PDB file of all heavy atoms in Angstrom:
ATOM      1  N   PRO A   1       0.819  -1.215   0.000  1.00  0.00           N
ATOM      2  CA  PRO A   1       0.000   0.000   0.000  1.00  0.00           C
ATOM      3  C   PRO A   1       0.854   1.267   0.000  1.00  0.00           C
ATOM      4  O   PRO A   1       1.963   1.274   0.535  1.00  0.00           O
ATOM      5  CB  PRO A   1      -0.827  -0.118   1.276  1.00  0.00           C
ATOM      6  CG  PRO A   1      -0.156  -1.151   2.099  1.00  0.00           C
ATOM      7  CD  PRO A   1       0.743  -1.946   1.243  1.00  0.00           C
ATOM      8  N   GLU A   2       0.303   2.319  -0.590  1.00  0.00           N
ATOM      9  CA  GLU A   2       1.012   3.584  -0.663  1.00  0.00           C
ATOM     10  C   GLU A   2       1.075   4.230   0.721  1.00  0.00           C
ATOM     11  O   GLU A   2       0.125   4.184   1.484  1.00  0.00           O
ATOM     12  CB  GLU A   2       0.307   4.524  -1.638  1.00  0.00           C
ATOM     13  CG  GLU A   2       0.182   3.955  -3.046  1.00  0.00           C
ATOM     14  CD  GLU A   2      -0.610   4.866  -3.943  1.00  0.00           C
ATOM     15  OE1 GLU A   2      -0.156   6.017  -4.151  1.00  0.00           O
ATOM     16  OE2 GLU A   2      -1.677   4.461  -4.414  1.00  0.00           O
ATOM     17  N   THR A   3       2.210   4.871   0.978  1.00  0.00           N
ATOM     18  CA  THR A   3       2.413   5.462   2.303  1.00  0.00           C
ATOM     19  C   THR A   3       1.485   6.652   2.528  1.00  0.00           C
ATOM     20  O   THR A   3       0.895   6.803   3.594  1.00  0.00           O
ATOM     21  CB  THR A   3       3.877   5.898   2.467  1.00  0.00           C
ATOM     22  OG1 THR A   3       4.734   4.779   2.211  1.00  0.00           O
ATOM     23  CG2 THR A   3       4.133   6.417   3.878  1.00  0.00           C
ATOM     24  N   GLY A   4       1.305   7.507   1.523  1.00  0.00           N
ATOM     25  CA  GLY A   4       0.516   8.718   1.703  1.00  0.00           C
ATOM     26  C   GLY A   4      -0.931   8.599   1.281  1.00  0.00           C
ATOM     27  O   GLY A   4      -1.630   9.617   1.195  1.00  0.00           O
ATOM     28  N   ALA A   5      -1.406   7.388   1.024  1.00  0.00           N
ATOM     29  CA  ALA A   5      -2.790   7.215   0.575  1.00  0.00           C
ATOM     30  C   ALA A   5      -3.749   7.412   1.733  1.00  0.00           C
ATOM     31  O   ALA A   5      -3.393   7.217   2.907  1.00  0.00           O
ATOM     32  CB  ALA A   5      -2.979   5.834  -0.048  1.00  0.00           C
ATOM     33  N   ASN A   6      -4.987   7.800   1.397  1.00  0.00           N
ATOM     34  CA  ASN A   6      -5.985   7.952   2.447  1.00  0.00           C
ATOM     35  C   ASN A   6      -6.398   6.570   2.975  1.00  0.00           C
ATOM     36  O   ASN A   6      -6.024   5.540   2.437  1.00  0.00           O
ATOM     37  CB  ASN A   6      -7.207   8.729   1.944  1.00  0.00           C
ATOM     38  CG  ASN A   6      -7.896   8.027   0.780  1.00  0.00           C
ATOM     39  OD1 ASN A   6      -8.353   6.899   0.894  1.00  0.00           O
ATOM     40  ND2 ASN A   6      -7.964   8.697  -0.356  1.00  0.00           N
ATOM     41  N   TYR A   7      -7.206   6.598   4.034  1.00  0.00           N
ATOM     42  CA  TYR A   7      -7.530   5.345   4.729  1.00  0.00           C
ATOM     43  C   TYR A   7      -8.226   4.364   3.811  1.00  0.00           C
ATOM     44  O   TYR A   7      -7.914   3.162   3.804  1.00  0.00           O
ATOM     45  CB  TYR A   7      -8.420   5.644   5.939  1.00  0.00           C
ATOM     46  CG  TYR A   7      -8.993   4.392   6.565  1.00  0.00           C
ATOM     47  CD1 TYR A   7      -8.230   3.597   7.415  1.00  0.00           C
ATOM     48  CD2 TYR A   7     -10.303   3.985   6.293  1.00  0.00           C
ATOM     49  CE1 TYR A   7      -8.745   2.445   7.976  1.00  0.00           C
ATOM     50  CE2 TYR A   7     -10.827   2.827   6.857  1.00  0.00           C
ATOM     51  CZ  TYR A   7     -10.046   2.071   7.694  1.00  0.00           C
ATOM     52  OH  TYR A   7     -10.552   0.929   8.238  1.00  0.00           O
ATOM     53  N   TRP A   8      -9.184   4.803   2.997  1.00  0.00           N
ATOM     54  CA  TRP A   8      -9.990   3.894   2.188  1.00  0.00           C
ATOM     55  C   TRP A   8      -9.142   3.251   1.094  1.00  0.00           C
ATOM     56  O   TRP A   8      -9.228   2.043   0.861  1.00  0.00           O
ATOM     57  CB  TRP A   8     -11.170   4.646   1.582  1.00  0.00           C
ATOM     58  CG  TRP A   8     -11.985   5.339   2.628  1.00  0.00           C
ATOM     59  CD1 TRP A   8     -12.041   6.677   2.885  1.00  0.00           C
ATOM     60  CD2 TRP A   8     -12.833   4.719   3.610  1.00  0.00           C
ATOM     61  NE1 TRP A   8     -12.864   6.937   3.940  1.00  0.00           N
ATOM     62  CE2 TRP A   8     -13.370   5.762   4.411  1.00  0.00           C
ATOM     63  CE3 TRP A   8     -13.188   3.411   3.883  1.00  0.00           C
ATOM     64  CZ2 TRP A   8     -14.248   5.510   5.456  1.00  0.00           C
ATOM     65  CZ3 TRP A   8     -14.059   3.154   4.930  1.00  0.00           C
ATOM     66  CH2 TRP A   8     -14.577   4.194   5.694  1.00  0.00           C
ATOM     67  N   VAL A   9      -8.299   4.055   0.432  1.00  0.00           N
ATOM     68  CA  VAL A   9      -7.428   3.495  -0.609  1.00  0.00           C
ATOM     69  C   VAL A   9      -6.408   2.549   0.015  1.00  0.00           C
ATOM     70  O   VAL A   9      -6.139   1.458  -0.510  1.00  0.00           O
ATOM     71  CB  VAL A   9      -6.731   4.627  -1.382  1.00  0.00           C
ATOM     72  CG1 VAL A   9      -5.707   4.063  -2.363  1.00  0.00           C
ATOM     73  CG2 VAL A   9      -7.754   5.482  -2.128  1.00  0.00           C
ATOM     74  N   ARG A  10      -5.842   2.956   1.131  1.00  0.00           N
ATOM     75  CA  ARG A  10      -4.846   2.111   1.784  1.00  0.00           C
ATOM     76  C   ARG A  10      -5.455   0.786   2.239  1.00  0.00           C
ATOM     77  O   ARG A  10      -4.813  -0.267   2.152  1.00  0.00           O
ATOM     78  CB  ARG A  10      -4.239   2.861   2.975  1.00  0.00           C
ATOM     79  CG  ARG A  10      -3.086   2.120   3.636  1.00  0.00           C
ATOM     80  CD  ARG A  10      -2.444   2.954   4.728  1.00  0.00           C
ATOM     81  NE  ARG A  10      -1.358   2.227   5.365  1.00  0.00           N
ATOM     82  CZ  ARG A  10      -0.117   2.171   4.907  1.00  0.00           C
ATOM     83  NH1 ARG A  10       0.196   2.828   3.799  1.00  0.00           N
ATOM     84  NH2 ARG A  10       0.817   1.486   5.523  1.00  0.00           N
ATOM     85  N   HIS A  11      -6.691   0.819   2.723  1.00  0.00           N
ATOM     86  CA  HIS A  11      -7.350  -0.420   3.152  1.00  0.00           C
ATOM     87  C   HIS A  11      -7.513  -1.379   1.976  1.00  0.00           C
ATOM     88  O   HIS A  11      -7.231  -2.579   2.103  1.00  0.00           O
ATOM     89  CB  HIS A  11      -8.700  -0.094   3.767  1.00  0.00           C
ATOM     90  CG  HIS A  11      -9.504  -1.308   4.128  1.00  0.00           C
ATOM     91  ND1 HIS A  11      -9.131  -2.181   5.128  1.00  0.00           N
ATOM     92  CD2 HIS A  11     -10.652  -1.812   3.598  1.00  0.00           C
ATOM     93  CE1 HIS A  11     -10.005  -3.156   5.217  1.00  0.00           C
ATOM     94  NE2 HIS A  11     -10.933  -2.971   4.308  1.00  0.00           N
ATOM     95  N   ARG A  12      -7.942  -0.864   0.823  1.00  0.00           N
ATOM     96  CA  ARG A  12      -8.105  -1.732  -0.351  1.00  0.00           C
ATOM     97  C   ARG A  12      -6.759  -2.283  -0.814  1.00  0.00           C
ATOM     98  O   ARG A  12      -6.661  -3.448  -1.218  1.00  0.00           O
ATOM     99  CB  ARG A  12      -8.782  -0.945  -1.481  1.00  0.00           C
ATOM    100  CG  ARG A  12     -10.184  -0.465  -1.162  1.00  0.00           C
ATOM    101  CD  ARG A  12     -11.103  -1.644  -1.004  1.00  0.00           C
ATOM    102  NE  ARG A  12     -11.273  -2.355  -2.236  1.00  0.00           N
ATOM    103  CZ  ARG A  12     -12.378  -2.339  -2.953  1.00  0.00           C
ATOM    104  NH1 ARG A  12     -13.424  -1.676  -2.522  1.00  0.00           N
ATOM    105  NH2 ARG A  12     -12.473  -3.012  -4.084  1.00  0.00           N
ATOM    106  N   GLU A  13      -5.730  -1.456  -0.748  1.00  0.00           N
ATOM    107  CA  GLU A  13      -4.408  -1.922  -1.164  1.00  0.00           C
ATOM    108  C   GLU A  13      -3.842  -2.943  -0.174  1.00  0.00           C
ATOM    109  O   GLU A  13      -3.122  -3.863  -0.578  1.00  0.00           O
ATOM    110  CB  GLU A  13      -3.469  -0.723  -1.302  1.00  0.00           C
ATOM    111  CG  GLU A  13      -3.826   0.183  -2.466  1.00  0.00           C
ATOM    112  CD  GLU A  13      -2.940   1.402  -2.552  1.00  0.00           C
ATOM    113  OE1 GLU A  13      -2.224   1.692  -1.570  1.00  0.00           O
ATOM    114  OE2 GLU A  13      -2.941   2.067  -3.599  1.00  0.00           O
ATOM    115  N   GLU A  14      -4.153  -2.803   1.098  1.00  0.00           N
ATOM    116  CA  GLU A  14      -3.726  -3.816   2.074  1.00  0.00           C
ATOM    117  C   GLU A  14      -4.398  -5.155   1.813  1.00  0.00           C
ATOM    118  O   GLU A  14      -3.778  -6.210   1.967  1.00  0.00           O
ATOM    119  CB  GLU A  14      -4.029  -3.324   3.491  1.00  0.00           C
ATOM    120  CG  GLU A  14      -3.099  -2.233   3.983  1.00  0.00           C
ATOM    121  CD  GLU A  14      -3.482  -1.733   5.354  1.00  0.00           C
ATOM    122  OE1 GLU A  14      -4.557  -2.146   5.848  1.00  0.00           O
ATOM    123  OE2 GLU A  14      -2.714  -0.945   5.935  1.00  0.00           O
ATOM    124  N   LEU A  15      -5.675  -5.121   1.421  1.00  0.00           N
ATOM    125  CA  LEU A  15      -6.360  -6.369   1.075  1.00  0.00           C
ATOM    126  C   LEU A  15      -5.719  -7.022  -0.143  1.00  0.00           C
ATOM    127  O   LEU A  15      -5.581  -8.250  -0.204  1.00  0.00           O
ATOM    128  CB  LEU A  15      -7.841  -6.083   0.810  1.00  0.00           C
ATOM    129  CG  LEU A  15      -8.676  -5.613   2.002  1.00  0.00           C
ATOM    130  CD1 LEU A  15     -10.111  -5.339   1.563  1.00  0.00           C
ATOM    131  CD2 LEU A  15      -8.658  -6.636   3.123  1.00  0.00           C
ATOM    132  N   LEU A  16      -5.311  -6.207  -1.124  1.00  0.00           N
ATOM    133  CA  LEU A  16      -4.633  -6.749  -2.299  1.00  0.00           C
ATOM    134  C   LEU A  16      -3.305  -7.379  -1.912  1.00  0.00           C
ATOM    135  O   LEU A  16      -2.991  -8.500  -2.340  1.00  0.00           O
ATOM    136  CB  LEU A  16      -4.418  -5.629  -3.322  1.00  0.00           C
ATOM    137  CG  LEU A  16      -3.543  -5.976  -4.526  1.00  0.00           C
ATOM    138  CD1 LEU A  16      -4.201  -7.055  -5.378  1.00  0.00           C
ATOM    139  CD2 LEU A  16      -3.263  -4.735  -5.374  1.00  0.00           C
ATOM    140  N   ALA A  17      -2.514  -6.676  -1.102  1.00  0.00           N
ATOM    141  CA  ALA A  17      -1.222  -7.217  -0.685  1.00  0.00           C
ATOM    142  C   ALA A  17      -1.396  -8.490   0.136  1.00  0.00           C
ATOM    143  O   ALA A  17      -0.628  -9.447  -0.015  1.00  0.00           O
ATOM    144  CB  ALA A  17      -0.457  -6.162   0.115  1.00  0.00           C
ATOM    145  N   ARG A  18      -2.422  -8.521   0.977  1.00  0.00           N
ATOM    146  CA  ARG A  18      -2.662  -9.718   1.791  1.00  0.00           C
ATOM    147  C   ARG A  18      -3.048 -10.906   0.919  1.00  0.00           C
ATOM    148  O   ARG A  18      -2.645 -12.045   1.179  1.00  0.00           O
ATOM    149  CB  ARG A  18      -3.755  -9.432   2.812  1.00  0.00           C
ATOM    150  CG  ARG A  18      -3.901 -10.498   3.882  1.00  0.00           C
ATOM    151  CD  ARG A  18      -4.998 -10.123   4.844  1.00  0.00           C
ATOM    152  NE  ARG A  18      -4.755  -8.813   5.439  1.00  0.00           N
ATOM    153  CZ  ARG A  18      -5.647  -8.143   6.147  1.00  0.00           C
ATOM    154  NH1 ARG A  18      -6.859  -8.657   6.329  1.00  0.00           N
ATOM    155  NH2 ARG A  18      -5.351  -6.978   6.675  1.00  0.00           N
ATOM    156  N   ALA A  19      -3.846 -10.663  -0.131  1.00  0.00           N
ATOM    157  CA  ALA A  19      -4.227 -11.749  -1.038  1.00  0.00           C
ATOM    158  C   ALA A  19      -3.016 -12.279  -1.800  1.00  0.00           C
ATOM    159  O   ALA A  19      -2.912 -13.485  -2.060  1.00  0.00           O
ATOM    160  CB  ALA A  19      -5.303 -11.279  -2.006  1.00  0.00           C
ATOM    161  N   LEU A  20      -2.073 -11.398  -2.148  1.00  0.00           N
ATOM    162  CA  LEU A  20      -0.869 -11.844  -2.839  1.00  0.00           C
ATOM    163  C   LEU A  20       0.108 -12.537  -1.896  1.00  0.00           C
ATOM    164  O   LEU A  20       1.073 -13.150  -2.360  1.00  0.00           O
ATOM    165  CB  LEU A  20      -0.178 -10.647  -3.504  1.00  0.00           C
ATOM    166  CG  LEU A  20      -0.856 -10.128  -4.770  1.00  0.00           C
ATOM    167  CD1 LEU A  20      -0.239  -8.831  -5.220  1.00  0.00           C
ATOM    168  CD2 LEU A  20      -0.762 -11.156  -5.879  1.00  0.00           C
ATOM    169  N   GLY A  21      -0.117 -12.435  -0.606  1.00  0.00           N
ATOM    170  CA  GLY A  21       0.762 -13.100   0.343  1.00  0.00           C
ATOM    171  C   GLY A  21       0.360 -14.514   0.675  1.00  0.00           C
ATOM    172  O   GLY A  21       1.058 -15.186   1.444  1.00  0.00           O
ATOM    173  N   GLU A  22      -0.734 -14.984   0.121  1.00  0.00           N
ATOM    174  CA  GLU A  22      -1.210 -16.329   0.414  1.00  0.00           C
ATOM    175  C   GLU A  22      -0.609 -17.332  -0.570  1.00  0.00           C
ATOM    176  O   GLU A  22      -0.826 -17.230  -1.778  1.00  0.00           O
ATOM    177  CB  GLU A  22      -2.732 -16.374   0.357  1.00  0.00           C
ATOM    178  CG  GLU A  22      -3.409 -15.506   1.401  1.00  0.00           C
ATOM    179  CD  GLU A  22      -4.909 -15.560   1.302  1.00  0.00           C
ATOM    180  OE1 GLU A  22      -5.415 -16.233   0.373  1.00  0.00           O
ATOM    181  OE2 GLU A  22      -5.581 -14.930   2.141  1.00  0.00           O
ATOM    182  N   ASP A  23       0.145 -18.271  -0.061  1.00  0.00           N
ATOM    183  CA  ASP A  23       0.762 -19.324  -0.878  1.00  0.00           C
ATOM    184  C   ASP A  23       0.120 -20.664  -0.571  1.00  0.00           C
ATOM    185  O   ASP A  23      -0.579 -20.840   0.438  1.00  0.00           O
ATOM    186  CB  ASP A  23       2.264 -19.395  -0.622  1.00  0.00           C
ATOM    187  CG  ASP A  23       2.994 -18.153  -1.124  1.00  0.00           C
ATOM    188  OD1 ASP A  23       2.470 -17.495  -2.042  1.00  0.00           O
ATOM    189  OD2 ASP A  23       4.080 -17.850  -0.590  1.00  0.00           O
ATOM    190  N   GLU A  24       0.385 -21.620  -1.448  1.00  0.00           N
ATOM    191  CA  GLU A  24      -0.142 -22.970  -1.293  1.00  0.00           C
ATOM    192  C   GLU A  24       0.997 -23.978  -1.327  1.00  0.00           C
ATOM    193  O   GLU A  24       2.026 -23.757  -1.975  1.00  0.00           O
ATOM    194  CB  GLU A  24      -1.144 -23.298  -2.411  1.00  0.00           C
ATOM    195  CG  GLU A  24      -2.386 -22.447  -2.411  1.00  0.00           C
ATOM    196  CD  GLU A  24      -3.329 -22.821  -3.535  1.00  0.00           C
ATOM    197  OE1 GLU A  24      -2.905 -23.625  -4.396  1.00  0.00           O
ATOM    198  OE2 GLU A  24      -4.460 -22.317  -3.556  1.00  0.00           O
ATOM    199  N   ILE A  25       0.807 -25.081  -0.619  1.00  0.00           N
ATOM    200  CA  ILE A  25       1.797 -26.159  -0.640  1.00  0.00           C
ATOM    201  C   ILE A  25       1.638 -26.967  -1.927  1.00  0.00           C
ATOM    202  O   ILE A  25       0.522 -27.293  -2.338  1.00  0.00           O
ATOM    203  CB  ILE A  25       1.629 -27.064   0.590  1.00  0.00           C
ATOM    204  CG1 ILE A  25       1.924 -26.285   1.869  1.00  0.00           C
ATOM    205  CG2 ILE A  25       2.540 -28.282   0.491  1.00  0.00           C
ATOM    206  CD1 ILE A  25       1.767 -27.104   3.137  1.00  0.00           C
ATOM    207  N   VAL A  26       2.758 -27.262  -2.550  1.00  0.00           N
ATOM    208  CA  VAL A  26       2.768 -28.076  -3.774  1.00  0.00           C
ATOM    209  C   VAL A  26       2.965 -29.535  -3.369  1.00  0.00           C
ATOM    210  O   VAL A  26       3.974 -29.886  -2.741  1.00  0.00           O
ATOM    211  CB  VAL A  26       3.885 -27.627  -4.733  1.00  0.00           C
ATOM    212  CG1 VAL A  26       3.859 -28.463  -6.007  1.00  0.00           C
ATOM    213  CG2 VAL A  26       3.728 -26.154  -5.066  1.00  0.00           C
ATOM    214  N   GLU A  27       2.008 -30.350  -3.727  1.00  0.00           N
ATOM    215  CA  GLU A  27       2.098 -31.777  -3.429  1.00  0.00           C
ATOM    216  C   GLU A  27       2.799 -32.495  -4.582  1.00  0.00           C
ATOM    217  O   GLU A  27       2.294 -32.517  -5.703  1.00  0.00           O
ATOM    218  CB  GLU A  27       0.702 -32.369  -3.218  1.00  0.00           C
ATOM    219  CG  GLU A  27      -0.037 -31.812  -2.012  1.00  0.00           C
ATOM    220  CD  GLU A  27       0.565 -32.294  -0.709  1.00  0.00           C
ATOM    221  OE1 GLU A  27       1.348 -33.270  -0.746  1.00  0.00           O
ATOM    222  OE2 GLU A  27       0.248 -31.699   0.337  1.00  0.00           O
ATOM    223  N   PRO A  28       3.977 -33.057  -4.340  1.00  0.00           N
ATOM    224  CA  PRO A  28       4.644 -33.786  -5.431  1.00  0.00           C
ATOM    225  C   PRO A  28       3.888 -35.058  -5.787  1.00  0.00           C
ATOM    226  O   PRO A  28       3.227 -35.673  -4.946  1.00  0.00           O
ATOM    227  CB  PRO A  28       6.026 -34.102  -4.844  1.00  0.00           C
ATOM    228  CG  PRO A  28       5.813 -34.104  -3.366  1.00  0.00           C
ATOM    229  CD  PRO A  28       4.745 -33.087  -3.092  1.00  0.00           C
ATOM    230  N   ARG A  29       3.983 -35.445  -7.041  1.00  0.00           N
ATOM    231  CA  ARG A  29       3.304 -36.654  -7.493  1.00  0.00           C
ATOM    232  C   ARG A  29       4.020 -37.886  -6.956  1.00  0.00           C
ATOM    233  O   ARG A  29       5.239 -37.909  -6.799  1.00  0.00           O
ATOM    234  CB  ARG A  29       3.268 -36.699  -9.025  1.00  0.00           C
ATOM    235  CG  ARG A  29       2.410 -35.600  -9.642  1.00  0.00           C
ATOM    236  CD  ARG A  29       2.316 -35.822 -11.157  1.00  0.00           C
ATOM    237  NE  ARG A  29       1.748 -37.125 -11.462  1.00  0.00           N
ATOM    238  CZ  ARG A  29       0.440 -37.376 -11.527  1.00  0.00           C
ATOM    239  NH1 ARG A  29      -0.423 -36.401 -11.294  1.00  0.00           N
ATOM    240  NH2 ARG A  29      -0.008 -38.582 -11.813  1.00  0.00           N
ATOM    241  N   THR A  30       3.232 -38.896  -6.666  1.00  0.00           N
ATOM    242  CA  THR A  30       3.812 -40.146  -6.170  1.00  0.00           C
ATOM    243  C   THR A  30       4.435 -40.981  -7.292  1.00  0.00           C
ATOM    244  O   THR A  30       5.212 -41.882  -7.030  1.00  0.00           O
ATOM    245  CB  THR A  30       2.732 -40.975  -5.465  1.00  0.00           C
ATOM    246  OG1 THR A  30       1.633 -41.204  -6.362  1.00  0.00           O
ATOM    247  CG2 THR A  30       2.204 -40.218  -4.247  1.00  0.00           C
ATOM    248  N   SER A  31       4.066 -40.683  -8.527  1.00  0.00           N
ATOM    249  CA  SER A  31       4.638 -41.408  -9.663  1.00  0.00           C
ATOM    250  C   SER A  31       4.874 -40.420 -10.792  1.00  0.00           C
ATOM    251  O   SER A  31       4.306 -39.322 -10.824  1.00  0.00           O
ATOM    252  CB  SER A  31       3.695 -42.531 -10.127  1.00  0.00           C
ATOM    253  OG  SER A  31       2.446 -42.009 -10.538  1.00  0.00           O
TER     254      SER A  31
END
């Protein structure tokens, strides 16, 4: 999120950054 953004813009940008921070475990194939 931008440092000087207002509260509403910063909140939306924090949600975007939080969504990009979610990773998933890769399950290797057994064969």
